[in-house]
């Protein structure tokens, strides 16, 4: 049903650490991205995280500090596209809940399993409020990969709603293609049920953040 995300492995370092509302409101989009990524890398570099007994604690901590920085409602709306209007309010709420859990499981797994001491270079900030684009570059063992962050300002706080990697591949667009294909033949409820099945199929050893 769902193809593997082409950007999953490359963008797992893009989870963001939350800060207090007052601190976040004073940050530019570039500062927001830099602060969050630097702190995530610090956590992943902590030798304690290599201890299998500490992996669950590390995972829980990462999600607790990452999740407030994402606009999951906006991510959900954009991945569904125009069909979002066909969802009832209850279906919208449930989709956001299930899709958020699906994303958290998918990318936290890859982040913990595939991080290899990458470095991030911060290149450019483009702002046209309420939207912004932050350009960065991931460097791994001599190889370089551009990663761009799309942010949206809500109530004075910048939150990420999409990530673009090499050749402009978008996480949102990647899922939108899959969801629109399903919704051409099935109902919003059917799509939600498919996601729920995928959650059940995920490793039972995983502990939900």
C-alpha atoms as a PDB file:
ATOM      1  CA  UNK A   1       0.000   0.000   0.000  1.00  0.00           C
ATOM      2  CA  UNK A   2       2.543   2.580   1.121  1.00  0.00           C
ATOM      3  CA  UNK A   3       5.894   2.634  -0.640  1.00  0.00           C
ATOM      4  CA  UNK A   4       8.926   3.334   1.497  1.00  0.00           C
ATOM      5  CA  UNK A   5       9.574   7.037   1.766  1.00  0.00           C
ATOM      6  CA  UNK A   6      12.404   8.051  -0.534  1.00  0.00           C
ATOM      7  CA  UNK A   7      13.489  10.592   2.013  1.00  0.00           C
ATOM      8  CA  UNK A   8      12.990   8.660   5.206  1.00  0.00           C
ATOM      9  CA  UNK A   9      16.588   7.741   5.902  1.00  0.00           C
ATOM     10  CA  UNK A  10      17.986  11.114   4.868  1.00  0.00           C
ATOM     11  CA  UNK A  11      15.681  13.328   6.859  1.00  0.00           C
ATOM     12  CA  UNK A  12      15.528  11.536  10.175  1.00  0.00           C
ATOM     13  CA  UNK A  13      17.873  14.122  11.670  1.00  0.00           C
ATOM     14  CA  UNK A  14      15.233  16.736  11.045  1.00  0.00           C
ATOM     15  CA  UNK A  15      13.249  16.156  14.206  1.00  0.00           C
ATOM     16  CA  UNK A  16      13.162  19.231  16.374  1.00  0.00           C
ATOM     17  CA  UNK A  17      13.557  19.817  20.064  1.00  0.00           C
ATOM     18  CA  UNK A  18      10.902  21.954  21.696  1.00  0.00           C
ATOM     19  CA  UNK A  19      11.608  24.973  23.839  1.00  0.00           C
ATOM     20  CA  UNK A  20       9.423  27.196  25.939  1.00  0.00           C
ATOM     21  CA  UNK A  21       6.873  29.259  24.040  1.00  0.00           C
ATOM     22  CA  UNK A  22       8.539  32.516  25.030  1.00  0.00           C
ATOM     23  CA  UNK A  23      11.921  31.358  23.756  1.00  0.00           C
ATOM     24  CA  UNK A  24      10.534  29.980  20.506  1.00  0.00           C
ATOM     25  CA  UNK A  25       8.660  33.171  19.681  1.00  0.00           C
ATOM     26  CA  UNK A  26      11.906  35.140  19.704  1.00  0.00           C
ATOM     27  CA  UNK A  27      13.656  32.840  17.226  1.00  0.00           C
ATOM     28  CA  UNK A  28      13.933  33.348  13.472  1.00  0.00           C
ATOM     29  CA  UNK A  29      13.267  30.315  11.235  1.00  0.00           C
ATOM     30  CA  UNK A  30      17.031  29.760  10.849  1.00  0.00           C
ATOM     31  CA  UNK A  31      17.624  29.999  14.579  1.00  0.00           C
ATOM     32  CA  UNK A  32      14.744  27.625  15.208  1.00  0.00           C
ATOM     33  CA  UNK A  33      16.161  24.990  12.859  1.00  0.00           C
ATOM     34  CA  UNK A  34      19.742  25.386  14.088  1.00  0.00           C
ATOM     35  CA  UNK A  35      18.871  25.160  17.771  1.00  0.00           C
ATOM     36  CA  UNK A  36      16.655  22.123  17.360  1.00  0.00           C
ATOM     37  CA  UNK A  37      18.917  20.117  15.094  1.00  0.00           C
ATOM     38  CA  UNK A  38      22.013  20.836  17.171  1.00  0.00           C
ATOM     39  CA  UNK A  39      20.270  19.559  20.291  1.00  0.00           C
ATOM     40  CA  UNK A  40      18.994  16.447  18.520  1.00  0.00           C
ATOM     41  CA  UNK A  41      22.499  15.628  17.336  1.00  0.00           C
ATOM     42  CA  UNK A  42      23.785  16.131  20.871  1.00  0.00           C
ATOM     43  CA  UNK A  43      21.294  13.570  22.149  1.00  0.00           C
ATOM     44  CA  UNK A  44      22.169  11.092  19.405  1.00  0.00           C
ATOM     45  CA  UNK A  45      25.884  11.528  20.131  1.00  0.00           C
ATOM     46  CA  UNK A  46      25.401  10.697  23.803  1.00  0.00           C
ATOM     47  CA  UNK A  47      27.166   7.332  24.357  1.00  0.00           C
ATOM     48  CA  UNK A  48      24.415   6.329  26.762  1.00  0.00           C
ATOM     49  CA  UNK A  49      22.078   5.995  23.796  1.00  0.00           C
ATOM     50  CA  UNK A  50      24.107   3.050  22.497  1.00  0.00           C
ATOM     51  CA  UNK A  51      23.052   0.994  25.503  1.00  0.00           C
ATOM     52  CA  UNK A  52      20.090  -1.164  24.416  1.00  0.00           C
ATOM     53  CA  UNK A  53      18.527  -0.636  27.829  1.00  0.00           C
ATOM     54  CA  UNK A  54      18.554   3.125  27.245  1.00  0.00           C
ATOM     55  CA  UNK A  55      17.104   3.099  23.739  1.00  0.00           C
ATOM     56  CA  UNK A  56      13.485   3.305  24.852  1.00  0.00           C
ATOM     57  CA  UNK A  57      14.278   6.197  27.189  1.00  0.00           C
ATOM     58  CA  UNK A  58      16.167   7.970  24.398  1.00  0.00           C
ATOM     59  CA  UNK A  59      13.268   7.425  22.002  1.00  0.00           C
ATOM     60  CA  UNK A  60      10.738   8.761  24.464  1.00  0.00           C
ATOM     61  CA  UNK A  61      12.865  11.825  25.162  1.00  0.00           C
ATOM     62  CA  UNK A  62      13.353  12.554  21.472  1.00  0.00           C
ATOM     63  CA  UNK A  63       9.628  12.454  20.784  1.00  0.00           C
ATOM     64  CA  UNK A  64       8.718  14.510  23.823  1.00  0.00           C
ATOM     65  CA  UNK A  65      11.020  17.313  22.732  1.00  0.00           C
ATOM     66  CA  UNK A  66      10.398  16.952  19.002  1.00  0.00           C
ATOM     67  CA  UNK A  67       6.641  16.747  18.620  1.00  0.00           C
ATOM     68  CA  UNK A  68       5.727  20.297  19.729  1.00  0.00           C
ATOM     69  CA  UNK A  69       7.754  21.721  16.850  1.00  0.00           C
ATOM     70  CA  UNK A  70       5.710  20.094  14.089  1.00  0.00           C
ATOM     71  CA  UNK A  71       2.390  21.343  12.767  1.00  0.00           C
ATOM     72  CA  UNK A  72       0.821  17.909  12.385  1.00  0.00           C
ATOM     73  CA  UNK A  73      -2.561  19.282  11.398  1.00  0.00           C
ATOM     74  CA  UNK A  74      -0.966  21.213   8.538  1.00  0.00           C
ATOM     75  CA  UNK A  75       1.145  18.211   7.555  1.00  0.00           C
ATOM     76  CA  UNK A  76      -1.960  16.015   7.496  1.00  0.00           C
ATOM     77  CA  UNK A  77      -3.991  18.527   5.511  1.00  0.00           C
ATOM     78  CA  UNK A  78      -1.281  18.939   2.900  1.00  0.00           C
ATOM     79  CA  UNK A  79      -0.627  15.216   2.504  1.00  0.00           C
ATOM     80  CA  UNK A  80      -4.310  14.527   1.870  1.00  0.00           C
ATOM     81  CA  UNK A  81      -4.652  17.533  -0.457  1.00  0.00           C
ATOM     82  CA  UNK A  82      -8.032  18.683  -1.854  1.00  0.00           C
ATOM     83  CA  UNK A  83      -9.750  15.551  -0.515  1.00  0.00           C
ATOM     84  CA  UNK A  84      -9.270  16.941   3.006  1.00  0.00           C
ATOM     85  CA  UNK A  85     -12.596  18.753   2.629  1.00  0.00           C
ATOM     86  CA  UNK A  86     -14.324  15.399   2.204  1.00  0.00           C
ATOM     87  CA  UNK A  87     -13.265  14.331   5.697  1.00  0.00           C
ATOM     88  CA  UNK A  88     -15.710  14.894   8.520  1.00  0.00           C
ATOM     89  CA  UNK A  89     -14.402  16.720  11.601  1.00  0.00           C
ATOM     90  CA  UNK A  90     -14.155  13.401  13.435  1.00  0.00           C
ATOM     91  CA  UNK A  91     -12.278  11.816  10.502  1.00  0.00           C
ATOM     92  CA  UNK A  92      -9.879  14.756  10.350  1.00  0.00           C
ATOM     93  CA  UNK A  93      -9.116  14.452  14.041  1.00  0.00           C
ATOM     94  CA  UNK A  94      -8.611  10.700  13.809  1.00  0.00           C
ATOM     95  CA  UNK A  95      -6.453  10.952  10.691  1.00  0.00           C
ATOM     96  CA  UNK A  96      -4.153  13.496  12.349  1.00  0.00           C
ATOM     97  CA  UNK A  97      -3.855  11.236  15.393  1.00  0.00           C
ATOM     98  CA  UNK A  98      -3.072   8.072  13.428  1.00  0.00           C
ATOM     99  CA  UNK A  99      -0.803   9.715  10.859  1.00  0.00           C
ATOM    100  CA  UNK A 100       1.174  11.457  13.604  1.00  0.00           C
ATOM    101  CA  UNK A 101       1.748   8.124  15.333  1.00  0.00           C
ATOM    102  CA  UNK A 102       2.700   6.512  12.024  1.00  0.00           C
ATOM    103  CA  UNK A 103       5.263   9.245  11.301  1.00  0.00           C
ATOM    104  CA  UNK A 104       6.695   9.131  14.799  1.00  0.00           C
ATOM    105  CA  UNK A 105       7.235   5.368  14.617  1.00  0.00           C
ATOM    106  CA  UNK A 106       8.696   5.495  11.119  1.00  0.00           C
ATOM    107  CA  UNK A 107      11.205   8.285  11.586  1.00  0.00           C
ATOM    108  CA  UNK A 108      12.242   7.626  15.174  1.00  0.00           C
ATOM    109  CA  UNK A 109      13.093   4.060  14.129  1.00  0.00           C
ATOM    110  CA  UNK A 110      15.277   5.328  11.305  1.00  0.00           C
ATOM    111  CA  UNK A 111      16.849   8.065  13.374  1.00  0.00           C
ATOM    112  CA  UNK A 112      17.926   5.665  16.104  1.00  0.00           C
ATOM    113  CA  UNK A 113      18.997   2.980  13.654  1.00  0.00           C
ATOM    114  CA  UNK A 114      20.843   4.949  10.986  1.00  0.00           C
ATOM    115  CA  UNK A 115      22.459   8.018  12.548  1.00  0.00           C
ATOM    116  CA  UNK A 116      26.178   8.075  11.670  1.00  0.00           C
ATOM    117  CA  UNK A 117      27.706  11.257  13.106  1.00  0.00           C
ATOM    118  CA  UNK A 118      26.354  13.519  10.377  1.00  0.00           C
ATOM    119  CA  UNK A 119      27.084  17.229  10.417  1.00  0.00           C
ATOM    120  CA  UNK A 120      24.708  20.001   9.376  1.00  0.00           C
ATOM    121  CA  UNK A 121      25.712  23.238   7.663  1.00  0.00           C
ATOM    122  CA  UNK A 122      23.199  26.093   7.822  1.00  0.00           C
ATOM    123  CA  UNK A 123      23.141  27.991   4.549  1.00  0.00           C
ATOM    124  CA  UNK A 124      20.253  30.388   4.002  1.00  0.00           C
ATOM    125  CA  UNK A 125      16.951  31.666   5.346  1.00  0.00           C
ATOM    126  CA  UNK A 126      14.154  32.889   3.076  1.00  0.00           C
ATOM    127  CA  UNK A 127      11.123  34.453   4.753  1.00  0.00           C
ATOM    128  CA  UNK A 128       7.816  35.540   3.278  1.00  0.00           C
ATOM    129  CA  UNK A 129       5.537  35.550   6.294  1.00  0.00           C
ATOM    130  CA  UNK A 130       3.741  33.476   7.322  1.00  0.00           C
ATOM    131  CA  UNK A 131       5.987  31.021   5.447  1.00  0.00           C
ATOM    132  CA  UNK A 132       9.733  30.469   5.460  1.00  0.00           C
ATOM    133  CA  UNK A 133      12.356  28.222   3.906  1.00  0.00           C
ATOM    134  CA  UNK A 134      15.596  27.283   5.643  1.00  0.00           C
ATOM    135  CA  UNK A 135      18.314  25.752   3.490  1.00  0.00           C
ATOM    136  CA  UNK A 136      20.875  23.425   5.049  1.00  0.00           C
ATOM    137  CA  UNK A 137      23.319  20.764   3.961  1.00  0.00           C
ATOM    138  CA  UNK A 138      23.922  17.390   5.557  1.00  0.00           C
ATOM    139  CA  UNK A 139      27.490  16.099   5.401  1.00  0.00           C
ATOM    140  CA  UNK A 140      28.203  12.428   5.943  1.00  0.00           C
ATOM    141  CA  UNK A 141      31.642  10.896   5.338  1.00  0.00           C
ATOM    142  CA  UNK A 142      32.468  13.350   2.559  1.00  0.00           C
ATOM    143  CA  UNK A 143      29.061  13.083   0.878  1.00  0.00           C
ATOM    144  CA  UNK A 144      26.739  16.089   0.892  1.00  0.00           C
ATOM    145  CA  UNK A 145      22.951  16.236   0.763  1.00  0.00           C
ATOM    146  CA  UNK A 146      20.845  19.425   0.625  1.00  0.00           C
ATOM    147  CA  UNK A 147      17.942  19.493   3.074  1.00  0.00           C
ATOM    148  CA  UNK A 148      15.428  22.341   3.071  1.00  0.00           C
ATOM    149  CA  UNK A 149      12.860  22.990   5.768  1.00  0.00           C
ATOM    150  CA  UNK A 150       9.487  24.571   5.107  1.00  0.00           C
ATOM    151  CA  UNK A 151       8.094  26.390   8.107  1.00  0.00           C
ATOM    152  CA  UNK A 152       4.833  28.142   8.848  1.00  0.00           C
ATOM    153  CA  UNK A 153       4.318  30.784  11.494  1.00  0.00           C
ATOM    154  CA  UNK A 154       1.329  30.339  13.782  1.00  0.00           C
ATOM    155  CA  UNK A 155       0.721  32.587  16.779  1.00  0.00           C
ATOM    156  CA  UNK A 156       4.275  33.878  16.529  1.00  0.00           C
ATOM    157  CA  UNK A 157       5.834  30.399  16.527  1.00  0.00           C
ATOM    158  CA  UNK A 158       7.580  28.825  13.543  1.00  0.00           C
ATOM    159  CA  UNK A 159       6.668  25.169  12.959  1.00  0.00           C
ATOM    160  CA  UNK A 160       7.817  22.728  10.303  1.00  0.00           C
ATOM    161  CA  UNK A 161       5.226  21.418   7.852  1.00  0.00           C
ATOM    162  CA  UNK A 162       7.460  19.854   5.186  1.00  0.00           C
ATOM    163  CA  UNK A 163      11.052  18.783   4.482  1.00  0.00           C
ATOM    164  CA  UNK A 164      12.730  18.709   1.074  1.00  0.00           C
ATOM    165  CA  UNK A 165      15.861  16.767   0.214  1.00  0.00           C
ATOM    166  CA  UNK A 166      17.916  16.077  -2.906  1.00  0.00           C
ATOM    167  CA  UNK A 167      16.189  17.128  -6.136  1.00  0.00           C
ATOM    168  CA  UNK A 168      13.418  18.767  -4.131  1.00  0.00           C
ATOM    169  CA  UNK A 169      11.837  15.511  -2.975  1.00  0.00           C
ATOM    170  CA  UNK A 170       9.134  16.430  -0.459  1.00  0.00           C
ATOM    171  CA  UNK A 171       7.913  14.309   2.442  1.00  0.00           C
ATOM    172  CA  UNK A 172       4.446  15.798   2.083  1.00  0.00           C
ATOM    173  CA  UNK A 173       4.333  15.172  -1.661  1.00  0.00           C
ATOM    174  CA  UNK A 174       5.605  11.631  -1.210  1.00  0.00           C
ATOM    175  CA  UNK A 175       2.683  10.734   1.044  1.00  0.00           C
ATOM    176  CA  UNK A 176       0.199  12.825  -0.947  1.00  0.00           C
ATOM    177  CA  UNK A 177       0.731  10.705  -4.048  1.00  0.00           C
ATOM    178  CA  UNK A 178      -0.020   7.579  -2.040  1.00  0.00           C
ATOM    179  CA  UNK A 179      -3.045   8.971  -0.225  1.00  0.00           C
ATOM    180  CA  UNK A 180      -4.622  10.523  -3.310  1.00  0.00           C
ATOM    181  CA  UNK A 181      -4.308   7.227  -5.140  1.00  0.00           C
ATOM    182  CA  UNK A 182      -6.213   5.499  -2.335  1.00  0.00           C
ATOM    183  CA  UNK A 183      -8.830   8.234  -2.016  1.00  0.00           C
ATOM    184  CA  UNK A 184      -9.669   8.045  -5.713  1.00  0.00           C
ATOM    185  CA  UNK A 185     -11.283   4.678  -5.033  1.00  0.00           C
ATOM    186  CA  UNK A 186     -11.887   4.569  -1.296  1.00  0.00           C
ATOM    187  CA  UNK A 187     -13.378   6.718   1.445  1.00  0.00           C
ATOM    188  CA  UNK A 188     -11.556   8.759   4.106  1.00  0.00           C
ATOM    189  CA  UNK A 189     -12.596   6.104   6.614  1.00  0.00           C
ATOM    190  CA  UNK A 190     -10.951   3.421   4.467  1.00  0.00           C
ATOM    191  CA  UNK A 191      -7.687   5.401   4.368  1.00  0.00           C
ATOM    192  CA  UNK A 192      -7.716   5.767   8.139  1.00  0.00           C
ATOM    193  CA  UNK A 193      -8.312   2.051   8.540  1.00  0.00           C
ATOM    194  CA  UNK A 194      -5.363   1.320   6.254  1.00  0.00           C
ATOM    195  CA  UNK A 195      -3.133   3.477   8.434  1.00  0.00           C
ATOM    196  CA  UNK A 196      -4.421   1.752  11.558  1.00  0.00           C
ATOM    197  CA  UNK A 197      -3.509  -1.605  10.048  1.00  0.00           C
ATOM    198  CA  UNK A 198      -0.020  -0.354   9.297  1.00  0.00           C
ATOM    199  CA  UNK A 199       0.391   0.727  12.903  1.00  0.00           C
ATOM    200  CA  UNK A 200      -0.550  -2.763  14.096  1.00  0.00           C
ATOM    201  CA  UNK A 201       1.956  -4.275  11.669  1.00  0.00           C
ATOM    202  CA  UNK A 202       4.817  -2.217  13.036  1.00  0.00           C
ATOM    203  CA  UNK A 203       7.236  -3.993  15.321  1.00  0.00           C
ATOM    204  CA  UNK A 204       5.612  -5.033  18.609  1.00  0.00           C
ATOM    205  CA  UNK A 205       8.945  -4.356  20.322  1.00  0.00           C
ATOM    206  CA  UNK A 206       8.565  -0.658  19.609  1.00  0.00           C
ATOM    207  CA  UNK A 207       7.415   1.438  22.498  1.00  0.00           C
ATOM    208  CA  UNK A 208       5.157   4.308  21.517  1.00  0.00           C
ATOM    209  CA  UNK A 209       6.626   7.646  22.638  1.00  0.00           C
END
